[in-house]
Amino acid sequence: MEHSVQESQSAVTDMDTRLQQVQTDFELLKMRREQAQSESDLLDLLATAGGSGDSTTGRLANDLTELEQQVREREARNSARRESAPLSESRPSRLSQSYERLERLKKLHEGRQPAVQP
């Protein structure tokens, strides 16, 4: 009976060791797969950047030039819209309303302060 228990414990220990080894191998394979995918993505990126015949710096300069052009166009459109938009002179802007309100509050506050005598 004791011999059977020892054999069972030995078998469980062996199975545990094998299970740990399989888990380690599994994790290692997953990590290698992720690294291989990352390397593949990097190689794809490099192939795309170098495949057009342009240098990466040249492509960045072109992208920057295009972005600057888009900004100038948008600013020009905004300026044209501002000039063509009807001015609402009859209705004061929120900024001027806030400023006037602040001035009225200052005057009200000054009126409540006792006069300082020299």
C-alpha atoms as a PDB file:
ATOM      1  CA  MET A   1       0.000   0.000   0.000  1.00  0.00           C
ATOM      2  CA  GLU A   2       2.791   2.447   0.920  1.00  0.00           C
ATOM      3  CA  HIS A   3       4.562   1.517  -2.272  1.00  0.00           C
ATOM      4  CA  SER A   4       1.415   2.318  -4.265  1.00  0.00           C
ATOM      5  CA  VAL A   5       1.083   5.700  -2.514  1.00  0.00           C
ATOM      6  CA  GLN A   6       4.726   6.523  -3.272  1.00  0.00           C
ATOM      7  CA  GLU A   7       4.275   5.558  -6.931  1.00  0.00           C
ATOM      8  CA  SER A   8       1.160   7.737  -7.111  1.00  0.00           C
ATOM      9  CA  GLN A   9       2.974  10.684  -5.536  1.00  0.00           C
ATOM     10  CA  SER A  10       5.872  10.174  -7.913  1.00  0.00           C
ATOM     11  CA  ALA A  11       3.484  10.078 -10.880  1.00  0.00           C
ATOM     12  CA  VAL A  12       1.759  13.271  -9.691  1.00  0.00           C
ATOM     13  CA  THR A  13       5.136  14.981  -9.281  1.00  0.00           C
ATOM     14  CA  ASP A  14       6.180  13.896 -12.793  1.00  0.00           C
ATOM     15  CA  MET A  15       2.885  15.122 -14.241  1.00  0.00           C
ATOM     16  CA  ASP A  16       3.258  18.440 -12.418  1.00  0.00           C
ATOM     17  CA  THR A  17       6.788  18.853 -13.763  1.00  0.00           C
ATOM     18  CA  ARG A  18       5.642  18.044 -17.302  1.00  0.00           C
ATOM     19  CA  LEU A  19       2.693  20.423 -16.987  1.00  0.00           C
ATOM     20  CA  GLN A  20       4.970  23.241 -15.862  1.00  0.00           C
ATOM     21  CA  GLN A  21       7.306  22.496 -18.783  1.00  0.00           C
ATOM     22  CA  VAL A  22       4.401  22.550 -21.241  1.00  0.00           C
ATOM     23  CA  GLN A  23       3.166  25.857 -19.786  1.00  0.00           C
ATOM     24  CA  THR A  24       6.653  27.328 -20.080  1.00  0.00           C
ATOM     25  CA  ASP A  25       6.958  26.114 -23.679  1.00  0.00           C
ATOM     26  CA  PHE A  26       3.505  27.525 -24.470  1.00  0.00           C
ATOM     27  CA  GLU A  27       4.370  30.959 -23.053  1.00  0.00           C
ATOM     28  CA  LEU A  28       7.693  30.940 -24.905  1.00  0.00           C
ATOM     29  CA  LEU A  29       5.975  30.116 -28.194  1.00  0.00           C
ATOM     30  CA  LYS A  30       3.410  32.881 -27.656  1.00  0.00           C
ATOM     31  CA  MET A  31       6.202  35.379 -26.997  1.00  0.00           C
ATOM     32  CA  ARG A  32       8.121  34.254 -30.094  1.00  0.00           C
ATOM     33  CA  ARG A  33       4.934  34.577 -32.169  1.00  0.00           C
ATOM     34  CA  GLU A  34       4.401  38.154 -30.927  1.00  0.00           C
ATOM     35  CA  GLN A  35       8.031  39.036 -31.656  1.00  0.00           C
ATOM     36  CA  ALA A  36       7.760  37.551 -35.138  1.00  0.00           C
ATOM     37  CA  GLN A  37       4.592  39.579 -35.773  1.00  0.00           C
ATOM     38  CA  SER A  38       6.285  42.765 -34.550  1.00  0.00           C
ATOM     39  CA  GLU A  39       9.260  42.098 -36.796  1.00  0.00           C
ATOM     40  CA  SER A  40       6.939  41.443 -39.742  1.00  0.00           C
ATOM     41  CA  ASP A  41       5.097  44.723 -39.099  1.00  0.00           C
ATOM     42  CA  LEU A  42       8.401  46.593 -38.929  1.00  0.00           C
ATOM     43  CA  LEU A  43       9.620  45.025 -42.167  1.00  0.00           C
ATOM     44  CA  ASP A  44       6.333  45.962 -43.853  1.00  0.00           C
ATOM     45  CA  LEU A  45       6.730  49.535 -42.649  1.00  0.00           C
ATOM     46  CA  LEU A  46      10.310  49.736 -43.898  1.00  0.00           C
ATOM     47  CA  ALA A  47       9.336  48.238 -47.250  1.00  0.00           C
ATOM     48  CA  THR A  48       6.539  50.782 -47.630  1.00  0.00           C
ATOM     49  CA  ALA A  49       8.800  53.694 -46.705  1.00  0.00           C
ATOM     50  CA  GLY A  50      11.613  52.612 -48.999  1.00  0.00           C
ATOM     51  CA  GLY A  51       9.530  51.171 -51.815  1.00  0.00           C
ATOM     52  CA  SER A  52       8.376  54.461 -53.281  1.00  0.00           C
ATOM     53  CA  GLY A  53      11.922  55.591 -54.046  1.00  0.00           C
ATOM     54  CA  ASP A  54      11.650  58.564 -51.688  1.00  0.00           C
ATOM     55  CA  SER A  55      13.681  58.872 -48.576  1.00  0.00           C
ATOM     56  CA  THR A  56      11.800  58.956 -45.307  1.00  0.00           C
ATOM     57  CA  THR A  57      12.992  62.520 -44.722  1.00  0.00           C
ATOM     58  CA  GLY A  58      11.743  63.540 -48.140  1.00  0.00           C
ATOM     59  CA  ARG A  59       8.354  62.010 -47.510  1.00  0.00           C
ATOM     60  CA  LEU A  60       8.099  63.814 -44.170  1.00  0.00           C
ATOM     61  CA  ALA A  61       8.990  67.101 -45.860  1.00  0.00           C
ATOM     62  CA  ASN A  62       6.278  66.510 -48.474  1.00  0.00           C
ATOM     63  CA  ASP A  63       3.747  65.689 -45.768  1.00  0.00           C
ATOM     64  CA  LEU A  64       4.686  68.856 -43.882  1.00  0.00           C
ATOM     65  CA  THR A  65       4.323  70.950 -47.040  1.00  0.00           C
ATOM     66  CA  GLU A  66       0.889  69.461 -47.701  1.00  0.00           C
ATOM     67  CA  LEU A  67      -0.174  70.159 -44.121  1.00  0.00           C
ATOM     68  CA  GLU A  68       1.002  73.768 -44.361  1.00  0.00           C
ATOM     69  CA  GLN A  69      -0.973  74.169 -47.599  1.00  0.00           C
ATOM     70  CA  GLN A  70      -4.099  72.771 -45.955  1.00  0.00           C
ATOM     71  CA  VAL A  71      -3.688  75.187 -43.034  1.00  0.00           C
ATOM     72  CA  ARG A  72      -3.301  78.170 -45.389  1.00  0.00           C
ATOM     73  CA  GLU A  73      -6.388  77.117 -47.354  1.00  0.00           C
ATOM     74  CA  ARG A  74      -8.475  76.689 -44.221  1.00  0.00           C
ATOM     75  CA  GLU A  75      -7.324  80.059 -42.839  1.00  0.00           C
ATOM     76  CA  ALA A  76      -8.185  81.734 -46.149  1.00  0.00           C
ATOM     77  CA  ARG A  77     -11.653  80.152 -46.118  1.00  0.00           C
ATOM     78  CA  ASN A  78     -12.212  81.283 -42.530  1.00  0.00           C
ATOM     79  CA  SER A  79     -11.092  84.803 -43.371  1.00  0.00           C
ATOM     80  CA  ALA A  80     -13.442  84.939 -46.357  1.00  0.00           C
ATOM     81  CA  ARG A  81     -16.321  83.662 -44.247  1.00  0.00           C
ATOM     82  CA  ARG A  82     -15.611  86.277 -41.567  1.00  0.00           C
ATOM     83  CA  GLU A  83     -15.622  89.059 -44.155  1.00  0.00           C
ATOM     84  CA  SER A  84     -18.842  87.867 -45.760  1.00  0.00           C
ATOM     85  CA  ALA A  85     -20.670  87.114 -42.515  1.00  0.00           C
ATOM     86  CA  PRO A  86     -23.252  89.734 -41.556  1.00  0.00           C
ATOM     87  CA  LEU A  87     -22.103  91.894 -38.712  1.00  0.00           C
ATOM     88  CA  SER A  88     -24.465  91.971 -35.798  1.00  0.00           C
ATOM     89  CA  GLU A  89     -23.846  95.518 -34.686  1.00  0.00           C
ATOM     90  CA  SER A  90     -27.304  95.794 -33.206  1.00  0.00           C
ATOM     91  CA  ARG A  91     -26.463  93.062 -30.727  1.00  0.00           C
ATOM     92  CA  PRO A  92     -23.291  93.472 -28.653  1.00  0.00           C
ATOM     93  CA  SER A  93     -20.884  90.575 -28.427  1.00  0.00           C
ATOM     94  CA  ARG A  94     -20.672  88.423 -25.331  1.00  0.00           C
ATOM     95  CA  LEU A  95     -17.263  89.870 -24.572  1.00  0.00           C
ATOM     96  CA  SER A  96     -18.499  93.452 -24.637  1.00  0.00           C
ATOM     97  CA  GLN A  97     -21.547  92.471 -22.571  1.00  0.00           C
ATOM     98  CA  SER A  98     -19.286  90.867 -19.961  1.00  0.00           C
ATOM     99  CA  TYR A  99     -17.013  93.901 -19.897  1.00  0.00           C
ATOM    100  CA  GLU A 100     -19.938  96.279 -19.438  1.00  0.00           C
ATOM    101  CA  ARG A 101     -21.342  94.098 -16.656  1.00  0.00           C
ATOM    102  CA  LEU A 102     -17.950  94.119 -14.925  1.00  0.00           C
ATOM    103  CA  GLU A 103     -17.756  97.910 -15.157  1.00  0.00           C
ATOM    104  CA  ARG A 104     -21.265  98.284 -13.690  1.00  0.00           C
ATOM    105  CA  LEU A 105     -20.339  95.964 -10.813  1.00  0.00           C
ATOM    106  CA  LYS A 106     -17.189  97.994 -10.123  1.00  0.00           C
ATOM    107  CA  LYS A 107     -19.191 101.217  -9.992  1.00  0.00           C
ATOM    108  CA  LEU A 108     -21.778  99.625  -7.740  1.00  0.00           C
ATOM    109  CA  HIS A 109     -19.047  98.335  -5.441  1.00  0.00           C
ATOM    110  CA  GLU A 110     -17.321 101.729  -5.354  1.00  0.00           C
ATOM    111  CA  GLY A 111     -20.641 103.381  -4.494  1.00  0.00           C
ATOM    112  CA  ARG A 112     -21.056 101.130  -1.463  1.00  0.00           C
ATOM    113  CA  GLN A 113     -17.541 101.746  -0.131  1.00  0.00           C
ATOM    114  CA  PRO A 114     -17.292 104.539   2.419  1.00  0.00           C
ATOM    115  CA  ALA A 115     -15.257 107.438   1.180  1.00  0.00           C
ATOM    116  CA  VAL A 116     -11.721 107.422   2.521  1.00  0.00           C
ATOM    117  CA  GLN A 117     -10.866 110.740   4.096  1.00  0.00           C
ATOM    118  CA  PRO A 118      -7.252 111.918   4.095  1.00  0.00           C
END
